[in-house]
Amino acid sequence: MTLTNQYPSLKYKVVLITGGASGIGANLVEAFCYQGAQVCFIDIRDEDAHKLAEQLSHRPDNIPPRYYRCNLLNIPKLQATIKQIYNDVGPINVLINNAAIVHRTEFIADPGALTKALNEVDTNFLAPVCLIKLFYPLLVQRKDPVIVNVTTGLVYAPKAEYPFYNSTKAALHAFTQILRFQLRKTPVRVVEVFFPVVDTPWHNGMPPKIAITAEKAVNEFLKGLAHRKEEIRVGGVKLLYPLARIAPGWAFSKINALAKR
């Protein structure tokens, strides 16, 4: 991964990233290591996680990341993992809720739709809510604490083939706004990053033409974070946001036309 900038304000931060074993999560782990942060990441994909940790451990310019295997929906296990992280590195500065799952499905036609819906609600929405609640007492022990919720430009114009993903990310978007308002008198910053389509292994080597590289996505995110932005719109989301406000029906039709190509 090639990062074009270094951000001194991110150096020496203690960062926790969920879903950090692959995809954009792995790029976030690498990027924060490159910035000189102590990175912890949670996942359940052992092979990918150990491969990433091993790869980054040989980089002389960063602190090797720490991997914690944990199912985010198992509250007792999550509490134990939080305790272990605290014992290993102390309180964290930055919590990044990145882990998410997505299903392409036709809601009525799919006999397994309800199971998929429950899984996405638990992973994409309830898990970040739980993490924030459980980590908050540790975050406030550090200087300049930050909560980052990863969402998507699809909260503005949803893609029809992802009925639950869009909905759970829209819920997380609303929760993030509320949390920011409720914590406005505390030192905790609440940040939301809206990623566009990103070229990651999730696309199985066939990313849409509009996909941007993970390097570009992460670089834009780090720049926004370093400049203390509360809402960081990456890539095409910067254009989608005003379009969806001015002409929501048109934006919706364009997003779903792209899905058919």
Protein backbone atom coordinates (compact mmCIF):
# COMPACT_ATOMS: atom_id res chain seq x y z
CA MET A 1 0.00 0.00 0.00
CA THR A 2 1.28 3.47 -0.91
CA LEU A 3 0.33 6.43 1.27
CA THR A 4 1.01 9.86 -0.15
CA ASN A 5 0.98 11.77 3.12
CA GLN A 6 1.98 11.49 6.73
CA TYR A 7 -0.13 13.10 9.44
CA PRO A 8 1.81 13.86 12.65
CA SER A 9 -1.43 14.29 14.61
CA LEU A 10 -2.12 10.55 14.15
CA LYS A 11 1.27 9.44 15.45
CA TYR A 12 1.31 7.62 18.80
CA LYS A 13 -2.48 7.16 18.75
CA VAL A 14 -3.83 3.87 20.05
CA VAL A 15 -6.34 2.73 17.44
CA LEU A 16 -8.84 -0.13 17.42
CA ILE A 17 -10.27 -1.23 14.07
CA THR A 18 -13.01 -3.82 13.67
CA GLY A 19 -13.05 -6.05 10.60
CA GLY A 20 -9.36 -5.36 10.06
CA ALA A 21 -8.23 -8.67 8.55
CA SER A 22 -9.06 -7.95 4.90
CA GLY A 23 -10.56 -5.47 2.49
CA ILE A 24 -10.60 -1.83 3.43
CA GLY A 25 -10.13 -2.80 7.08
CA ALA A 26 -6.72 -4.27 6.32
CA ASN A 27 -5.80 -1.10 4.46
CA LEU A 28 -6.84 0.93 7.50
CA VAL A 29 -4.68 -1.23 9.76
CA GLU A 30 -1.68 -0.76 7.49
CA ALA A 31 -2.30 2.96 7.07
CA PHE A 32 -2.45 3.69 10.79
CA CYS A 33 0.65 1.57 11.39
CA TYR A 34 2.38 3.68 8.74
CA GLN A 35 1.33 6.83 10.59
CA GLY A 36 3.11 5.58 13.71
CA ALA A 37 0.02 4.50 15.65
CA GLN A 38 -0.34 1.46 17.86
CA VAL A 39 -3.01 -0.53 16.06
CA CYS A 40 -5.25 -3.23 17.47
CA PHE A 41 -7.73 -4.96 15.22
CA ILE A 42 -10.61 -7.36 15.82
CA ASP A 43 -11.76 -10.02 13.38
CA ILE A 44 -12.66 -13.71 13.17
CA ARG A 45 -10.75 -14.51 9.98
CA ASP A 46 -7.63 -16.00 11.54
CA GLU A 47 -5.72 -16.81 8.36
CA ASP A 48 -6.09 -13.33 6.88
CA ALA A 49 -5.45 -11.67 10.24
CA HIS A 50 -2.25 -13.58 11.00
CA LYS A 51 -1.00 -13.02 7.46
CA LEU A 52 -1.55 -9.27 7.77
CA ALA A 53 0.04 -9.05 11.23
CA GLU A 54 3.04 -11.06 10.05
CA GLN A 55 3.43 -8.91 6.95
CA LEU A 56 3.39 -5.67 8.93
CA SER A 57 5.65 -6.99 11.68
CA HIS A 58 8.59 -6.86 9.26
CA ARG A 59 8.12 -3.19 8.45
CA PRO A 60 10.83 -1.23 10.30
CA ASP A 61 8.87 2.04 10.05
CA ASN A 62 5.85 1.05 12.12
CA ILE A 63 4.72 -0.65 15.33
CA PRO A 64 3.37 -4.16 14.54
CA PRO A 65 -0.41 -4.40 14.96
CA ARG A 66 -2.10 -6.59 17.55
CA TYR A 67 -4.79 -9.02 16.45
CA TYR A 68 -7.70 -10.09 18.66
CA ARG A 69 -10.05 -12.83 17.58
CA CYS A 70 -13.58 -11.96 18.66
CA ASN A 71 -17.14 -12.30 17.45
CA LEU A 72 -18.55 -8.81 17.93
CA LEU A 73 -21.99 -10.22 18.68
CA ASN A 74 -20.78 -12.26 21.65
CA ILE A 75 -21.02 -9.67 24.44
CA PRO A 76 -19.18 -11.68 27.16
CA LYS A 77 -16.35 -12.44 24.70
CA LEU A 78 -16.31 -8.81 23.59
CA GLN A 79 -16.03 -7.62 27.20
CA ALA A 80 -13.15 -10.03 27.77
CA THR A 81 -11.43 -8.79 24.60
CA ILE A 82 -11.81 -5.17 25.70
CA LYS A 83 -10.19 -6.06 29.03
CA GLN A 84 -7.33 -7.80 27.20
CA ILE A 85 -6.79 -4.80 24.91
CA TYR A 86 -6.70 -2.50 27.96
CA ASN A 87 -4.14 -4.77 29.64
CA ASP A 88 -2.00 -4.84 26.50
CA VAL A 89 -2.03 -1.21 25.37
CA GLY A 90 -4.08 0.77 27.88
CA PRO A 91 -6.98 3.01 26.85
CA ILE A 92 -7.48 3.63 23.14
CA ASN A 93 -7.67 7.02 21.40
CA VAL A 94 -9.54 6.00 18.28
CA LEU A 95 -12.33 3.45 17.79
CA ILE A 96 -13.10 2.66 14.16
CA ASN A 97 -16.29 0.67 13.58
CA ASN A 98 -15.49 -0.78 10.19
CA ALA A 99 -16.76 -4.39 10.29
CA ALA A 100 -19.81 -5.04 8.11
CA ILE A 101 -21.45 -7.72 6.01
CA VAL A 102 -23.66 -7.41 2.94
CA HIS A 103 -26.05 -9.66 1.04
CA ARG A 104 -27.30 -9.21 -2.50
CA THR A 105 -30.88 -10.38 -2.37
CA GLU A 106 -34.47 -9.98 -3.49
CA PHE A 107 -36.33 -9.52 -0.21
CA ILE A 108 -39.65 -11.22 -1.08
CA ALA A 109 -38.22 -13.92 -3.34
CA ASP A 110 -35.39 -14.99 -1.02
CA PRO A 111 -36.53 -17.63 1.53
CA GLY A 112 -33.50 -16.83 3.70
CA ALA A 113 -34.08 -13.08 3.67
CA LEU A 114 -35.04 -12.76 7.34
CA THR A 115 -31.93 -14.55 8.56
CA LYS A 116 -29.78 -12.33 6.35
CA ALA A 117 -31.58 -9.25 7.63
CA LEU A 118 -31.00 -10.19 11.27
CA ASN A 119 -27.32 -10.92 10.62
CA GLU A 120 -26.78 -7.56 8.96
CA VAL A 121 -28.65 -5.64 11.64
CA ASP A 122 -26.55 -7.33 14.33
CA THR A 123 -23.20 -6.87 12.57
CA ASN A 124 -23.61 -3.54 10.83
CA PHE A 125 -25.62 -1.65 13.44
CA LEU A 126 -25.88 -3.29 16.85
CA ALA A 127 -22.21 -4.29 17.04
CA PRO A 128 -20.96 -0.68 16.60
CA VAL A 129 -23.53 0.49 19.16
CA CYS A 130 -22.27 -2.09 21.67
CA LEU A 131 -18.62 -1.28 21.01
CA ILE A 132 -19.18 2.41 21.55
CA LYS A 133 -21.02 1.79 24.81
CA LEU A 134 -18.39 -0.62 26.14
CA PHE A 135 -15.32 1.33 25.00
CA TYR A 136 -16.52 4.79 26.00
CA PRO A 137 -15.14 4.62 29.59
CA LEU A 138 -11.71 3.81 28.12
CA LEU A 139 -11.84 6.39 25.34
CA VAL A 140 -12.39 9.27 27.75
CA GLN A 141 -9.19 8.36 29.58
CA ARG A 142 -7.12 9.39 26.57
CA LYS A 143 -6.35 12.77 25.03
CA ASP A 144 -8.39 13.66 21.93
CA PRO A 145 -10.61 10.55 21.81
CA VAL A 146 -12.38 9.78 18.55
CA ILE A 147 -15.19 7.43 17.52
CA VAL A 148 -15.30 6.72 13.78
CA ASN A 149 -18.30 5.00 12.21
CA VAL A 150 -17.79 3.73 8.68
CA THR A 151 -20.83 4.10 6.45
CA THR A 152 -21.37 4.58 2.73
CA GLY A 153 -22.63 6.99 0.13
CA LEU A 154 -25.57 4.62 -0.23
CA VAL A 155 -27.16 6.20 2.84
CA TYR A 156 -28.04 9.05 0.45
CA ALA A 157 -29.15 6.95 -2.52
CA PRO A 158 -29.61 3.25 -1.69
CA LYS A 159 -28.79 0.43 -4.08
CA ALA A 160 -31.79 -1.88 -4.48
CA GLU A 161 -29.79 -5.11 -4.55
CA TYR A 162 -28.51 -4.43 -0.99
CA PRO A 163 -31.79 -3.97 0.95
CA PHE A 164 -30.38 -4.66 4.42
CA TYR A 165 -26.91 -3.15 3.96
CA ASN A 166 -28.37 0.20 2.90
CA SER A 167 -30.84 0.13 5.77
CA THR A 168 -28.33 -0.78 8.48
CA LYS A 169 -25.86 1.84 7.30
CA ALA A 170 -28.63 4.44 7.21
CA ALA A 171 -29.44 3.50 10.81
CA LEU A 172 -25.78 3.86 11.78
CA HIS A 173 -25.69 7.23 10.01
CA ALA A 174 -28.65 8.48 12.07
CA PHE A 175 -27.19 7.05 15.29
CA THR A 176 -23.87 8.79 14.56
CA GLN A 177 -25.58 12.16 14.21
CA ILE A 178 -27.46 11.63 17.47
CA LEU A 179 -24.35 10.45 19.31
CA ARG A 180 -22.39 13.47 18.09
CA PHE A 181 -25.10 15.76 19.42
CA GLN A 182 -25.32 13.97 22.77
CA LEU A 183 -21.53 14.06 23.23
CA ARG A 184 -21.09 17.64 22.04
CA LYS A 185 -20.06 18.82 25.53
CA THR A 186 -17.53 16.03 26.02
CA PRO A 187 -13.99 15.73 24.60
CA VAL A 188 -15.04 12.82 22.38
CA ARG A 189 -15.22 13.56 18.67
CA VAL A 190 -17.73 11.53 16.65
CA VAL A 191 -16.72 11.11 13.01
CA GLU A 192 -18.47 9.43 10.10
CA VAL A 193 -16.67 8.36 6.95
CA PHE A 194 -18.76 7.71 3.85
CA PHE A 195 -16.90 5.39 1.50
CA PRO A 196 -17.84 4.97 -2.17
CA VAL A 197 -17.36 1.71 -4.08
CA VAL A 198 -13.82 0.60 -3.30
CA ASP A 199 -11.76 -1.98 -5.18
CA THR A 200 -11.31 -4.70 -2.54
CA PRO A 201 -11.26 -8.54 -2.65
CA TRP A 202 -15.00 -8.50 -1.91
CA HIS A 203 -15.58 -7.88 -5.64
CA ASN A 204 -13.71 -11.11 -6.56
CA GLY A 205 -11.45 -9.34 -9.03
CA MET A 206 -14.35 -7.71 -10.88
CA PRO A 207 -14.91 -4.32 -9.24
CA PRO A 208 -17.34 -1.86 -10.85
CA LYS A 209 -15.79 0.70 -13.17
CA ILE A 210 -16.56 3.48 -10.70
CA ALA A 211 -14.60 1.77 -7.89
CA ILE A 212 -11.63 3.66 -6.48
CA THR A 213 -8.53 2.06 -5.04
CA ALA A 214 -8.35 1.27 -1.35
CA GLU A 215 -5.23 3.45 -1.16
CA LYS A 216 -7.12 6.48 -2.45
CA ALA A 217 -10.07 5.82 -0.14
CA VAL A 218 -7.87 5.49 2.94
CA ASN A 219 -5.74 8.51 2.02
CA GLU A 220 -8.84 10.70 1.77
CA PHE A 221 -10.12 9.35 5.08
CA LEU A 222 -6.83 10.02 6.89
CA LYS A 223 -6.66 13.53 5.49
CA GLY A 224 -10.18 14.29 6.71
CA LEU A 225 -9.46 12.76 10.12
CA ALA A 226 -6.23 14.72 10.51
CA HIS A 227 -8.11 17.91 9.62
CA ARG A 228 -10.73 17.09 12.27
CA LYS A 229 -13.69 16.80 9.92
CA GLU A 230 -16.86 15.35 11.43
CA GLU A 231 -18.21 13.98 8.15
CA ILE A 232 -15.68 12.68 5.63
CA ARG A 233 -17.14 12.02 2.19
CA VAL A 234 -14.72 10.06 0.06
CA GLY A 235 -14.46 9.97 -3.72
CA GLY A 236 -17.77 10.12 -5.56
CA VAL A 237 -19.75 10.53 -2.35
CA LYS A 238 -18.75 14.22 -2.42
CA LEU A 239 -20.85 14.56 -5.59
CA LEU A 240 -23.60 12.12 -4.62
CA TYR A 241 -24.40 14.01 -1.40
CA PRO A 242 -25.60 17.28 -3.00
CA LEU A 243 -27.22 15.44 -5.91
CA ALA A 244 -29.27 13.30 -3.54
CA ARG A 245 -30.44 16.41 -1.70
CA ILE A 246 -31.36 18.32 -4.86
CA ALA A 247 -32.80 15.46 -6.91
CA PRO A 248 -33.20 12.34 -4.75
CA GLY A 249 -35.22 10.40 -7.32
CA TRP A 250 -32.64 11.04 -10.03
CA ALA A 251 -29.76 10.05 -7.72
CA PHE A 252 -31.57 6.83 -6.78
CA SER A 253 -32.18 5.92 -10.43
CA LYS A 254 -28.54 6.62 -11.37
CA ILE A 255 -27.17 4.47 -8.53
CA ASN A 256 -29.41 1.59 -9.54
CA ALA A 257 -28.70 1.99 -13.23
CA LEU A 258 -25.02 1.59 -12.45
CA ALA A 259 -25.81 -1.68 -10.66
CA LYS A 260 -27.17 -3.13 -13.91
CA ARG A 261 -24.06 -2.54 -15.99
